[in-house]
Amino acid sequence: MSFLLWALVLLLAGCIFLALEFFVPSSGTLGVLAALSFVGAIVLAFMAGPGYGIATFVAVLIIVPAACVLAVKYWPDTPIGRMILIQRPESPDEVLPETEAYRGMQHLVGRHGLAKSLMMPGGVVEVDRKSYDAVSDGMAIEPGTRIVVVAISTQRVVVRPDDAISTDQFTSEPLPAQVLADDAEASPAANPPLESVMKDFENPFDETNAR
């Protein structure tokens, strides 16, 4: 049998070993056999002629990357791939820790309610005349504070103080000028004239005081 025929046999064997390596667990044994087969095919092809050797070498350079690309694309869908790899969930319901109660609480997001206990951060809130276990969004909430539901996490309501309510309760408008004037007139002792204040200080350069 000629060197060229043996080169073709080893090239075919290398392709088979390489394909089996991706589908049969062998701890790398089949991969080593594939590499040895490709090297042997190249050597025998060069012994048959330089042109055959170069052609075989180029073929190996094409076969190996192409096999790797195909394996990466299709191997996860094979029986062995499904056994080894973690499969991608087909729908969000497969990974979300949702129950019927969780889905039933989704409508609470955006609703307003009232804190019924001190939340440090866990506590109880009342929304739509129903009580729910809740957790504050990173802050303490006093009982009786108006709250708004911002999320549902592991069947617990996540709330924060209702900014619309809290900001309405406090105003940053300046006091009218008339009020300030009335306060000043009502307490003259708190605002003494400038002349009386200056009299309490002696002039260090005054010769009369120095004597």
N, C-alpha and C. Protein backbone atom coordinates (compact mmCIF):
# COMPACT_ATOMS: atom_id res chain seq x y z
N MET A 1 0.86 -1.20 0.00
CA MET A 1 0.00 0.00 0.00
C MET A 1 0.89 1.25 0.00
N SER A 2 0.60 2.20 -0.83
CA SER A 2 1.44 3.37 -0.99
C SER A 2 1.31 4.31 0.20
N PHE A 3 2.31 5.20 0.31
CA PHE A 3 2.28 6.19 1.40
C PHE A 3 1.04 7.09 1.30
N LEU A 4 0.66 7.43 0.10
CA LEU A 4 -0.49 8.32 -0.08
C LEU A 4 -1.78 7.67 0.42
N LEU A 5 -1.91 6.36 0.17
CA LEU A 5 -3.12 5.67 0.63
C LEU A 5 -3.15 5.61 2.16
N TRP A 6 -1.99 5.32 2.76
CA TRP A 6 -1.93 5.31 4.22
C TRP A 6 -2.22 6.71 4.80
N ALA A 7 -1.75 7.72 4.12
CA ALA A 7 -2.02 9.09 4.57
C ALA A 7 -3.52 9.38 4.56
N LEU A 8 -4.20 8.92 3.52
CA LEU A 8 -5.64 9.12 3.44
C LEU A 8 -6.37 8.35 4.54
N VAL A 9 -5.89 7.12 4.82
CA VAL A 9 -6.51 6.32 5.88
C VAL A 9 -6.35 7.00 7.24
N LEU A 10 -5.13 7.47 7.51
CA LEU A 10 -4.90 8.15 8.79
C LEU A 10 -5.68 9.46 8.88
N LEU A 11 -5.80 10.16 7.76
CA LEU A 11 -6.58 11.40 7.77
C LEU A 11 -8.05 11.12 8.08
N LEU A 12 -8.58 10.06 7.50
CA LEU A 12 -9.96 9.68 7.79
C LEU A 12 -10.12 9.22 9.24
N ALA A 13 -9.13 8.46 9.73
CA ALA A 13 -9.18 8.00 11.12
C ALA A 13 -9.12 9.19 12.09
N GLY A 14 -8.29 10.17 11.74
CA GLY A 14 -8.21 11.36 12.59
C GLY A 14 -9.54 12.10 12.66
N CYS A 15 -10.23 12.19 11.53
CA CYS A 15 -11.54 12.85 11.52
C CYS A 15 -12.54 12.08 12.39
N ILE A 16 -12.49 10.74 12.32
CA ILE A 16 -13.42 9.93 13.12
C ILE A 16 -13.12 10.09 14.62
N PHE A 17 -11.83 9.99 14.97
CA PHE A 17 -11.46 10.16 16.38
C PHE A 17 -11.86 11.55 16.90
N LEU A 18 -11.66 12.57 16.06
CA LEU A 18 -11.99 13.93 16.47
C LEU A 18 -13.49 14.09 16.69
N ALA A 19 -14.29 13.49 15.82
CA ALA A 19 -15.74 13.57 15.97
C ALA A 19 -16.20 12.83 17.23
N LEU A 20 -15.61 11.64 17.47
CA LEU A 20 -15.99 10.88 18.66
C LEU A 20 -15.58 11.58 19.95
N GLU A 21 -14.49 12.35 19.88
CA GLU A 21 -14.03 13.05 21.08
C GLU A 21 -15.09 14.00 21.62
N PHE A 22 -15.88 14.58 20.75
CA PHE A 22 -16.90 15.53 21.18
C PHE A 22 -18.19 14.85 21.65
N PHE A 23 -18.35 13.58 21.36
CA PHE A 23 -19.61 12.91 21.68
C PHE A 23 -19.44 11.74 22.65
N VAL A 24 -18.21 11.26 22.84
CA VAL A 24 -17.96 10.12 23.73
C VAL A 24 -16.98 10.56 24.80
N PRO A 25 -17.34 10.45 26.09
CA PRO A 25 -16.39 10.80 27.14
C PRO A 25 -15.20 9.85 27.13
N SER A 26 -14.01 10.40 26.91
CA SER A 26 -12.81 9.55 26.83
C SER A 26 -11.64 10.14 27.59
N SER A 27 -11.87 11.22 28.33
CA SER A 27 -10.81 11.88 29.09
C SER A 27 -9.66 12.33 28.19
N GLY A 28 -9.96 12.66 26.94
CA GLY A 28 -8.94 13.17 26.03
C GLY A 28 -8.22 12.11 25.22
N THR A 29 -8.53 10.82 25.46
CA THR A 29 -7.83 9.76 24.73
C THR A 29 -8.10 9.83 23.24
N LEU A 30 -9.36 10.01 22.87
CA LEU A 30 -9.70 10.10 21.45
C LEU A 30 -9.09 11.34 20.82
N GLY A 31 -8.96 12.41 21.57
CA GLY A 31 -8.32 13.61 21.04
C GLY A 31 -6.86 13.38 20.74
N VAL A 32 -6.17 12.64 21.62
CA VAL A 32 -4.76 12.32 21.38
C VAL A 32 -4.62 11.43 20.15
N LEU A 33 -5.50 10.43 20.00
CA LEU A 33 -5.45 9.55 18.83
C LEU A 33 -5.72 10.34 17.55
N ALA A 34 -6.63 11.31 17.61
CA ALA A 34 -6.90 12.14 16.44
C ALA A 34 -5.67 12.96 16.07
N ALA A 35 -5.00 13.54 17.06
CA ALA A 35 -3.80 14.33 16.77
C ALA A 35 -2.70 13.47 16.17
N LEU A 36 -2.48 12.26 16.73
CA LEU A 36 -1.46 11.36 16.19
C LEU A 36 -1.80 10.93 14.77
N SER A 37 -3.07 10.70 14.50
CA SER A 37 -3.48 10.30 13.15
C SER A 37 -3.22 11.42 12.15
N PHE A 38 -3.52 12.66 12.52
CA PHE A 38 -3.28 13.79 11.62
C PHE A 38 -1.78 13.98 11.37
N VAL A 39 -0.98 13.85 12.41
CA VAL A 39 0.47 14.00 12.23
C VAL A 39 1.01 12.90 11.33
N GLY A 40 0.56 11.66 11.58
CA GLY A 40 1.00 10.55 10.72
C GLY A 40 0.57 10.74 9.29
N ALA A 41 -0.64 11.24 9.07
CA ALA A 41 -1.12 11.47 7.71
C ALA A 41 -0.27 12.51 7.00
N ILE A 42 0.12 13.56 7.70
CA ILE A 42 0.95 14.60 7.07
C ILE A 42 2.33 14.05 6.72
N VAL A 43 2.92 13.27 7.65
CA VAL A 43 4.26 12.71 7.40
C VAL A 43 4.23 11.76 6.20
N LEU A 44 3.25 10.86 6.16
CA LEU A 44 3.17 9.91 5.05
C LEU A 44 2.87 10.62 3.73
N ALA A 45 2.07 11.69 3.79
CA ALA A 45 1.78 12.44 2.57
C ALA A 45 3.04 13.12 2.03
N PHE A 46 3.88 13.64 2.91
CA PHE A 46 5.14 14.23 2.44
C PHE A 46 6.07 13.16 1.89
N MET A 47 6.02 11.96 2.44
CA MET A 47 6.83 10.86 1.90
C MET A 47 6.36 10.47 0.51
N ALA A 48 5.04 10.67 0.26
CA ALA A 48 4.53 10.37 -1.08
C ALA A 48 4.87 11.48 -2.06
N GLY A 49 5.10 12.69 -1.57
CA GLY A 49 5.45 13.81 -2.43
C GLY A 49 5.17 15.13 -1.73
N PRO A 50 6.00 16.16 -2.00
CA PRO A 50 5.79 17.45 -1.34
C PRO A 50 4.40 18.03 -1.59
N GLY A 51 3.89 17.89 -2.78
CA GLY A 51 2.56 18.42 -3.07
C GLY A 51 1.48 17.75 -2.25
N TYR A 52 1.58 16.42 -2.12
CA TYR A 52 0.61 15.69 -1.30
C TYR A 52 0.72 16.10 0.18
N GLY A 53 1.94 16.31 0.64
CA GLY A 53 2.14 16.70 2.03
C GLY A 53 1.53 18.05 2.34
N ILE A 54 1.78 19.02 1.43
CA ILE A 54 1.21 20.35 1.65
C ILE A 54 -0.31 20.30 1.61
N ALA A 55 -0.86 19.54 0.66
CA ALA A 55 -2.32 19.43 0.56
C ALA A 55 -2.92 18.81 1.82
N THR A 56 -2.26 17.77 2.35
CA THR A 56 -2.75 17.13 3.58
C THR A 56 -2.67 18.07 4.77
N PHE A 57 -1.57 18.82 4.83
CA PHE A 57 -1.40 19.78 5.93
C PHE A 57 -2.49 20.85 5.89
N VAL A 58 -2.77 21.37 4.70
CA VAL A 58 -3.84 22.37 4.57
C VAL A 58 -5.19 21.77 4.94
N ALA A 59 -5.42 20.50 4.54
CA ALA A 59 -6.68 19.84 4.87
C ALA A 59 -6.87 19.72 6.38
N VAL A 60 -5.78 19.38 7.08
CA VAL A 60 -5.86 19.28 8.54
C VAL A 60 -6.16 20.64 9.16
N LEU A 61 -5.53 21.69 8.61
CA LEU A 61 -5.77 23.04 9.13
C LEU A 61 -7.22 23.47 8.93
N ILE A 62 -7.88 22.93 7.93
CA ILE A 62 -9.29 23.27 7.69
C ILE A 62 -10.22 22.38 8.51
N ILE A 63 -9.89 21.09 8.59
CA ILE A 63 -10.77 20.12 9.25
C ILE A 63 -10.88 20.39 10.76
N VAL A 64 -9.76 20.62 11.41
CA VAL A 64 -9.77 20.75 12.87
C VAL A 64 -10.57 21.98 13.33
N PRO A 65 -10.32 23.19 12.80
CA PRO A 65 -11.16 24.33 13.25
C PRO A 65 -12.63 24.16 12.90
N ALA A 66 -12.91 23.60 11.70
CA ALA A 66 -14.31 23.40 11.31
C ALA A 66 -15.00 22.43 12.26
N ALA A 67 -14.30 21.37 12.66
CA ALA A 67 -14.88 20.41 13.60
C ALA A 67 -15.15 21.06 14.95
N CYS A 68 -14.24 21.92 15.39
CA CYS A 68 -14.44 22.60 16.68
C CYS A 68 -15.65 23.53 16.63
N VAL A 69 -15.81 24.25 15.52
CA VAL A 69 -16.95 25.16 15.38
C VAL A 69 -18.26 24.38 15.39
N LEU A 70 -18.31 23.29 14.64
CA LEU A 70 -19.53 22.48 14.59
C LEU A 70 -19.83 21.86 15.95
N ALA A 71 -18.78 21.44 16.64
CA ALA A 71 -18.99 20.83 17.95
C ALA A 71 -19.57 21.84 18.95
N VAL A 72 -19.02 23.05 18.93
CA VAL A 72 -19.51 24.07 19.85
C VAL A 72 -20.97 24.41 19.54
N LYS A 73 -21.34 24.37 18.27
CA LYS A 73 -22.70 24.75 17.88
C LYS A 73 -23.71 23.65 18.17
N TYR A 74 -23.35 22.41 17.87
CA TYR A 74 -24.33 21.32 17.95
C TYR A 74 -24.15 20.40 19.15
N TRP A 75 -22.97 20.39 19.77
CA TRP A 75 -22.73 19.44 20.86
C TRP A 75 -23.68 19.65 22.05
N PRO A 76 -24.02 20.88 22.44
CA PRO A 76 -24.96 21.02 23.57
C PRO A 76 -26.31 20.36 23.35
N ASP A 77 -26.70 20.15 22.08
CA ASP A 77 -28.01 19.54 21.79
C ASP A 77 -27.95 18.02 21.70
N THR A 78 -26.77 17.45 21.83
CA THR A 78 -26.64 15.99 21.78
C THR A 78 -27.01 15.40 23.14
N PRO A 79 -27.31 14.10 23.21
CA PRO A 79 -27.65 13.48 24.51
C PRO A 79 -26.57 13.67 25.56
N ILE A 80 -25.31 13.50 25.16
CA ILE A 80 -24.22 13.68 26.12
C ILE A 80 -24.10 15.14 26.54
N GLY A 81 -24.25 16.03 25.56
CA GLY A 81 -24.18 17.45 25.89
C GLY A 81 -25.27 17.86 26.86
N ARG A 82 -26.47 17.33 26.69
CA ARG A 82 -27.56 17.66 27.61
C ARG A 82 -27.33 17.08 29.00
N MET A 83 -26.60 15.97 29.06
CA MET A 83 -26.31 15.37 30.36
C MET A 83 -25.24 16.16 31.11
N ILE A 84 -24.30 16.74 30.38
CA ILE A 84 -23.16 17.41 31.02
C ILE A 84 -23.43 18.88 31.26
N LEU A 85 -23.98 19.55 30.26
CA LEU A 85 -24.18 20.99 30.35
C LEU A 85 -25.51 21.32 31.00
N ILE A 86 -25.57 22.49 31.62
CA ILE A 86 -26.82 23.00 32.16
C ILE A 86 -27.61 23.59 31.01
N GLN A 87 -28.81 23.10 30.84
CA GLN A 87 -29.62 23.52 29.71
C GLN A 87 -30.24 24.89 29.95
N ARG A 88 -30.35 25.64 28.87
CA ARG A 88 -31.00 26.94 28.94
C ARG A 88 -32.50 26.76 29.15
N PRO A 89 -33.07 27.47 30.10
CA PRO A 89 -34.52 27.32 30.32
C PRO A 89 -35.30 27.79 29.11
N GLU A 90 -36.39 27.10 28.83
CA GLU A 90 -37.22 27.45 27.68
C GLU A 90 -38.13 28.63 27.95
N SER A 91 -38.45 28.89 29.21
CA SER A 91 -39.31 30.02 29.54
C SER A 91 -38.90 30.57 30.90
N PRO A 92 -39.21 31.84 31.19
CA PRO A 92 -38.86 32.41 32.50
C PRO A 92 -39.50 31.69 33.67
N ASP A 93 -40.63 31.02 33.44
CA ASP A 93 -41.31 30.34 34.54
C ASP A 93 -40.48 29.20 35.11
N GLU A 94 -39.49 28.68 34.33
CA GLU A 94 -38.69 27.57 34.80
C GLU A 94 -37.63 28.01 35.81
N VAL A 95 -37.26 29.27 35.82
CA VAL A 95 -36.20 29.72 36.71
C VAL A 95 -36.69 30.69 37.77
N LEU A 96 -37.79 31.36 37.55
CA LEU A 96 -38.29 32.30 38.54
C LEU A 96 -38.92 31.56 39.72
N PRO A 97 -38.55 31.95 40.95
CA PRO A 97 -39.14 31.29 42.12
C PRO A 97 -40.56 31.77 42.37
N GLU A 98 -41.38 31.67 41.36
CA GLU A 98 -42.73 32.21 41.46
C GLU A 98 -43.73 31.13 41.86
N THR A 99 -44.67 31.53 42.63
CA THR A 99 -45.81 30.69 42.96
C THR A 99 -47.07 31.46 42.57
N GLU A 100 -48.19 30.84 42.76
CA GLU A 100 -49.44 31.54 42.47
C GLU A 100 -49.58 32.78 43.36
N ALA A 101 -49.12 32.65 44.62
CA ALA A 101 -49.18 33.81 45.51
C ALA A 101 -48.28 34.93 45.01
N TYR A 102 -47.10 34.55 44.50
CA TYR A 102 -46.17 35.57 43.97
C TYR A 102 -46.79 36.30 42.79
N ARG A 103 -47.37 35.54 41.87
CA ARG A 103 -47.98 36.18 40.70
C ARG A 103 -49.17 37.04 41.11
N GLY A 104 -49.88 36.60 42.15
CA GLY A 104 -51.03 37.37 42.59
C GLY A 104 -50.65 38.68 43.26
N MET A 105 -49.38 38.82 43.69
CA MET A 105 -48.94 40.04 44.35
C MET A 105 -48.32 41.04 43.38
N GLN A 106 -48.14 40.65 42.13
CA GLN A 106 -47.50 41.54 41.17
C GLN A 106 -48.30 42.82 40.95
N HIS A 107 -49.62 42.73 41.09
CA HIS A 107 -50.44 43.92 40.85
C HIS A 107 -50.26 44.98 41.92
N LEU A 108 -49.58 44.63 43.03
CA LEU A 108 -49.39 45.60 44.10
C LEU A 108 -48.31 46.62 43.78
N VAL A 109 -47.46 46.33 42.81
CA VAL A 109 -46.37 47.26 42.49
C VAL A 109 -46.96 48.60 42.03
N GLY A 110 -46.53 49.66 42.68
CA GLY A 110 -47.05 50.99 42.37
C GLY A 110 -48.21 51.42 43.26
N ARG A 111 -48.78 50.48 44.04
CA ARG A 111 -49.90 50.83 44.92
C ARG A 111 -49.38 51.53 46.18
N HIS A 112 -50.23 52.34 46.78
CA HIS A 112 -49.89 53.06 48.00
C HIS A 112 -50.57 52.39 49.19
N GLY A 113 -49.91 52.52 50.34
CA GLY A 113 -50.46 51.91 51.53
C GLY A 113 -49.93 52.58 52.78
N LEU A 114 -49.96 51.84 53.89
CA LEU A 114 -49.62 52.38 55.20
C LEU A 114 -48.77 51.36 55.95
N ALA A 115 -47.69 51.83 56.58
CA ALA A 115 -46.87 50.96 57.42
C ALA A 115 -47.59 50.74 58.74
N LYS A 116 -47.82 49.48 59.10
CA LYS A 116 -48.55 49.16 60.33
C LYS A 116 -47.62 48.84 61.48
N SER A 117 -46.32 48.68 61.20
CA SER A 117 -45.36 48.40 62.25
C SER A 117 -44.04 49.07 61.89
N LEU A 118 -43.14 49.14 62.88
CA LEU A 118 -41.82 49.68 62.62
C LEU A 118 -41.07 48.73 61.69
N MET A 119 -40.51 49.26 60.63
CA MET A 119 -39.83 48.44 59.63
C MET A 119 -38.33 48.70 59.74
N MET A 120 -37.58 47.67 60.23
CA MET A 120 -36.14 47.80 60.45
C MET A 120 -35.34 46.62 59.88
N PRO A 121 -35.40 46.22 58.65
CA PRO A 121 -36.27 46.80 57.62
C PRO A 121 -37.57 46.03 57.43
N GLY A 122 -37.72 44.85 58.08
CA GLY A 122 -38.93 44.07 57.87
C GLY A 122 -40.07 44.56 58.73
N GLY A 123 -41.28 44.30 58.28
CA GLY A 123 -42.45 44.70 59.03
C GLY A 123 -43.72 44.33 58.30
N VAL A 124 -44.80 44.99 58.67
CA VAL A 124 -46.11 44.72 58.08
C VAL A 124 -46.65 46.02 57.50
N VAL A 125 -47.21 45.92 56.31
CA VAL A 125 -47.86 47.08 55.68
C VAL A 125 -49.28 46.70 55.29
N GLU A 126 -50.07 47.71 55.10
CA GLU A 126 -51.45 47.51 54.66
C GLU A 126 -51.63 48.18 53.30
N VAL A 127 -52.02 47.38 52.32
CA VAL A 127 -52.26 47.88 50.96
C VAL A 127 -53.61 47.33 50.51
N ASP A 128 -54.45 48.21 50.03
CA ASP A 128 -55.79 47.81 49.58
C ASP A 128 -56.55 47.05 50.67
N ARG A 129 -56.40 47.53 51.92
CA ARG A 129 -57.10 46.96 53.07
C ARG A 129 -56.68 45.53 53.39
N LYS A 130 -55.49 45.14 52.94
CA LYS A 130 -54.94 43.83 53.27
C LYS A 130 -53.54 44.01 53.84
N SER A 131 -53.19 43.15 54.78
CA SER A 131 -51.87 43.22 55.41
C SER A 131 -50.90 42.28 54.70
N TYR A 132 -49.67 42.74 54.53
CA TYR A 132 -48.64 41.96 53.85
C TYR A 132 -47.33 42.07 54.62
N ASP A 133 -46.58 40.95 54.63
CA ASP A 133 -45.21 41.02 55.11
C ASP A 133 -44.41 41.85 54.11
N ALA A 134 -43.63 42.78 54.61
CA ALA A 134 -42.92 43.70 53.72
C ALA A 134 -41.53 43.97 54.25
N VAL A 135 -40.70 44.50 53.38
CA VAL A 135 -39.35 44.92 53.74
C VAL A 135 -39.12 46.29 53.11
N SER A 136 -38.49 47.17 53.87
CA SER A 136 -38.26 48.52 53.35
C SER A 136 -37.07 48.50 52.39
N ASP A 137 -37.06 49.48 51.52
CA ASP A 137 -36.02 49.58 50.51
C ASP A 137 -34.81 50.31 51.07
N GLY A 138 -34.19 49.70 52.11
CA GLY A 138 -32.94 50.22 52.64
C GLY A 138 -33.07 51.34 53.65
N MET A 139 -34.21 51.53 54.27
CA MET A 139 -34.36 52.60 55.24
C MET A 139 -35.40 52.18 56.28
N ALA A 140 -35.29 52.79 57.46
CA ALA A 140 -36.28 52.53 58.51
C ALA A 140 -37.54 53.33 58.22
N ILE A 141 -38.69 52.72 58.50
CA ILE A 141 -39.98 53.36 58.27
C ILE A 141 -40.79 53.27 59.56
N GLU A 142 -41.26 54.41 60.01
CA GLU A 142 -42.03 54.47 61.25
C GLU A 142 -43.47 53.99 61.00
N PRO A 143 -44.12 53.46 62.04
CA PRO A 143 -45.53 53.07 61.89
C PRO A 143 -46.39 54.28 61.51
N GLY A 144 -47.36 54.05 60.66
CA GLY A 144 -48.24 55.12 60.22
C GLY A 144 -47.74 55.91 59.03
N THR A 145 -46.53 55.59 58.55
CA THR A 145 -45.98 56.31 57.40
C THR A 145 -46.62 55.81 56.12
N ARG A 146 -46.94 56.73 55.24
CA ARG A 146 -47.47 56.35 53.94
C ARG A 146 -46.35 55.72 53.12
N ILE A 147 -46.65 54.62 52.44
CA ILE A 147 -45.62 53.90 51.67
C ILE A 147 -46.14 53.64 50.25
N VAL A 148 -45.19 53.29 49.39
CA VAL A 148 -45.53 52.88 48.03
C VAL A 148 -44.78 51.59 47.74
N VAL A 149 -45.42 50.64 47.10
CA VAL A 149 -44.82 49.35 46.76
C VAL A 149 -43.96 49.53 45.52
N VAL A 150 -42.67 49.15 45.62
CA VAL A 150 -41.75 49.32 44.49
C VAL A 150 -41.39 48.00 43.82
N ALA A 151 -41.56 46.87 44.51
CA ALA A 151 -41.20 45.57 43.91
C ALA A 151 -41.77 44.46 44.77
N ILE A 152 -41.73 43.25 44.19
CA ILE A 152 -42.08 42.02 44.91
C ILE A 152 -40.86 41.12 44.87
N SER A 153 -40.34 40.75 46.04
CA SER A 153 -39.13 39.94 46.10
C SER A 153 -39.38 38.75 47.01
N THR A 154 -39.27 37.54 46.43
CA THR A 154 -39.46 36.29 47.17
C THR A 154 -40.70 36.34 48.04
N GLN A 155 -41.80 36.69 47.42
CA GLN A 155 -43.11 36.74 48.06
C GLN A 155 -43.18 37.75 49.20
N ARG A 156 -42.30 38.73 49.19
CA ARG A 156 -42.38 39.82 50.16
C ARG A 156 -42.49 41.13 49.40
N VAL A 157 -43.26 42.04 49.98
CA VAL A 157 -43.48 43.34 49.36
C VAL A 157 -42.32 44.26 49.72
N VAL A 158 -41.73 44.88 48.74
CA VAL A 158 -40.65 45.85 48.95
C VAL A 158 -41.25 47.25 48.84
N VAL A 159 -41.08 48.05 49.89
CA VAL A 159 -41.72 49.36 49.94
C VAL A 159 -40.70 50.43 50.29
N ARG A 160 -41.07 51.65 50.05
CA ARG A 160 -40.32 52.82 50.49
C ARG A 160 -41.32 53.91 50.86
N PRO A 161 -40.88 54.90 51.62
CA PRO A 161 -41.81 55.99 51.97
C PRO A 161 -42.34 56.66 50.71
N ASP A 162 -43.60 57.03 50.78
CA ASP A 162 -44.23 57.69 49.64
C ASP A 162 -43.71 59.12 49.55
N ASP A 163 -42.86 59.39 48.56
CA ASP A 163 -42.25 60.72 48.43
C ASP A 163 -43.30 61.80 48.23
N ALA A 164 -44.36 61.48 47.51
CA ALA A 164 -45.39 62.49 47.25
C ALA A 164 -46.03 62.96 48.55
N ILE A 165 -46.22 62.00 49.49
CA ILE A 165 -46.84 62.36 50.76
C ILE A 165 -45.86 63.11 51.65
N SER A 166 -44.62 62.56 51.72
CA SER A 166 -43.66 63.14 52.64
C SER A 166 -43.25 64.54 52.22
N THR A 167 -43.13 64.77 50.94
CA THR A 167 -42.73 66.10 50.49
C THR A 167 -43.84 67.11 50.66
N ASP A 168 -45.10 66.68 50.65
CA ASP A 168 -46.20 67.60 50.86
C ASP A 168 -46.29 68.06 52.31
N GLN A 169 -45.78 67.21 53.21
CA GLN A 169 -45.89 67.53 54.62
C GLN A 169 -44.89 68.61 55.04
N PHE A 170 -43.83 68.77 54.27
CA PHE A 170 -42.78 69.70 54.63
C PHE A 170 -42.58 70.69 53.49
N THR A 171 -42.47 71.98 53.84
CA THR A 171 -42.28 72.99 52.80
C THR A 171 -41.01 73.76 53.07
N SER A 172 -40.34 74.12 52.03
CA SER A 172 -39.09 74.87 52.15
C SER A 172 -39.26 76.32 51.75
N GLU A 173 -40.51 76.87 51.73
CA GLU A 173 -40.74 78.25 51.34
C GLU A 173 -40.21 79.19 52.42
N PRO A 174 -39.55 80.29 52.04
CA PRO A 174 -39.04 81.23 53.06
C PRO A 174 -40.18 81.96 53.75
N LEU A 175 -39.93 82.38 54.97
CA LEU A 175 -40.93 83.12 55.73
C LEU A 175 -41.12 84.50 55.12
N PRO A 176 -42.32 85.05 55.14
CA PRO A 176 -42.55 86.39 54.61
C PRO A 176 -41.73 87.43 55.36
N ALA A 177 -41.38 88.53 54.66
CA ALA A 177 -40.57 89.58 55.27
C ALA A 177 -41.28 90.23 56.44
N GLN A 178 -42.63 90.36 56.37
CA GLN A 178 -43.38 90.98 57.45
C GLN A 178 -43.27 90.19 58.74
N VAL A 179 -43.26 88.84 58.60
CA VAL A 179 -43.13 88.00 59.79
C VAL A 179 -41.78 88.21 60.43
N LEU A 180 -40.73 88.28 59.61
CA LEU A 180 -39.40 88.50 60.16
C LEU A 180 -39.31 89.86 60.84
N ALA A 181 -39.95 90.88 60.25
CA ALA A 181 -39.93 92.21 60.86
C ALA A 181 -40.66 92.22 62.19
N ASP A 182 -41.80 91.54 62.26
CA ASP A 182 -42.55 91.46 63.50
C ASP A 182 -41.75 90.79 64.59
N ASP A 183 -41.01 89.72 64.22
CA ASP A 183 -40.19 89.04 65.21
C ASP A 183 -39.10 89.96 65.74
N ALA A 184 -38.53 90.76 64.85
CA ALA A 184 -37.45 91.66 65.28
C ALA A 184 -37.99 92.73 66.23
N GLU A 185 -39.19 93.26 65.95
CA GLU A 185 -39.78 94.28 66.82
C GLU A 185 -40.21 93.70 68.16
N ALA A 186 -40.62 92.45 68.13
CA ALA A 186 -41.11 91.82 69.37
C ALA A 186 -39.97 91.53 70.33
N SER A 187 -38.75 91.41 69.87
CA SER A 187 -37.63 91.08 70.75
C SER A 187 -36.47 92.03 70.48
N PRO A 188 -36.57 93.31 70.92
CA PRO A 188 -35.49 94.26 70.67
C PRO A 188 -34.21 93.88 71.39
N ALA A 189 -34.34 93.17 72.52
CA ALA A 189 -33.13 92.80 73.25
C ALA A 189 -32.27 91.83 72.46
N ALA A 190 -32.93 91.04 71.63
CA ALA A 190 -32.17 90.07 70.84
C ALA A 190 -31.47 90.72 69.67
N ASN A 191 -31.87 91.99 69.34
CA ASN A 191 -31.27 92.68 68.22
C ASN A 191 -30.89 94.10 68.65
N PRO A 192 -29.89 94.30 69.49
CA PRO A 192 -29.51 95.63 69.98
C PRO A 192 -28.96 96.47 68.85
N PRO A 193 -29.08 97.83 68.98
CA PRO A 193 -28.52 98.72 67.96
C PRO A 193 -27.01 98.56 67.87
N LEU A 194 -26.48 98.89 66.72
CA LEU A 194 -25.05 98.74 66.49
C LEU A 194 -24.25 99.69 67.36
N GLU A 195 -24.79 100.93 67.63
CA GLU A 195 -24.05 101.90 68.43
C GLU A 195 -23.82 101.40 69.85
N SER A 196 -24.84 100.77 70.43
CA SER A 196 -24.69 100.29 71.80
C SER A 196 -23.69 99.15 71.89
N VAL A 197 -23.60 98.39 70.85
CA VAL A 197 -22.63 97.30 70.85
C VAL A 197 -21.22 97.84 70.75
N MET A 198 -21.01 98.88 69.93
CA MET A 198 -19.67 99.42 69.73
C MET A 198 -19.17 100.13 70.98
N LYS A 199 -20.09 100.67 71.82
CA LYS A 199 -19.65 101.36 73.03
C LYS A 199 -18.98 100.42 74.02
N ASP A 200 -19.28 99.15 73.93
CA ASP A 200 -18.71 98.19 74.88
C ASP A 200 -17.25 97.90 74.59
N PHE A 201 -16.75 98.34 73.45
CA PHE A 201 -15.37 98.07 73.08
C PHE A 201 -14.56 99.36 73.16
N GLU A 202 -13.44 99.31 73.81
CA GLU A 202 -12.58 100.47 73.95
C GLU A 202 -11.62 100.55 72.78
N ASN A 203 -11.31 101.78 72.38
CA ASN A 203 -10.34 102.00 71.31
C ASN A 203 -8.94 101.92 71.90
N PRO A 204 -8.12 100.96 71.48
CA PRO A 204 -6.78 100.83 72.08
C PRO A 204 -5.88 102.00 71.76
N PHE A 205 -6.18 102.80 70.76
CA PHE A 205 -5.34 103.92 70.36
C PHE A 205 -5.80 105.24 70.98
N ASP A 206 -6.88 105.17 71.78
CA ASP A 206 -7.40 106.37 72.42
C ASP A 206 -6.50 106.72 73.61
N GLU A 207 -5.89 107.95 73.63
CA GLU A 207 -4.97 108.34 74.70
C GLU A 207 -5.68 108.48 76.03
N THR A 208 -6.97 108.89 75.99
CA THR A 208 -7.72 109.06 77.23
C THR A 208 -7.86 107.73 77.96
N ASN A 209 -8.20 106.68 77.20
CA ASN A 209 -8.35 105.36 77.81
C ASN A 209 -7.01 104.83 78.30
N ALA A 210 -5.92 105.20 77.55
CA ALA A 210 -4.60 104.70 77.94
C ALA A 210 -4.17 105.27 79.27
N ARG A 211 -4.52 106.57 79.55
CA ARG A 211 -4.18 107.20 80.83
C ARG A 211 -5.02 106.65 81.98
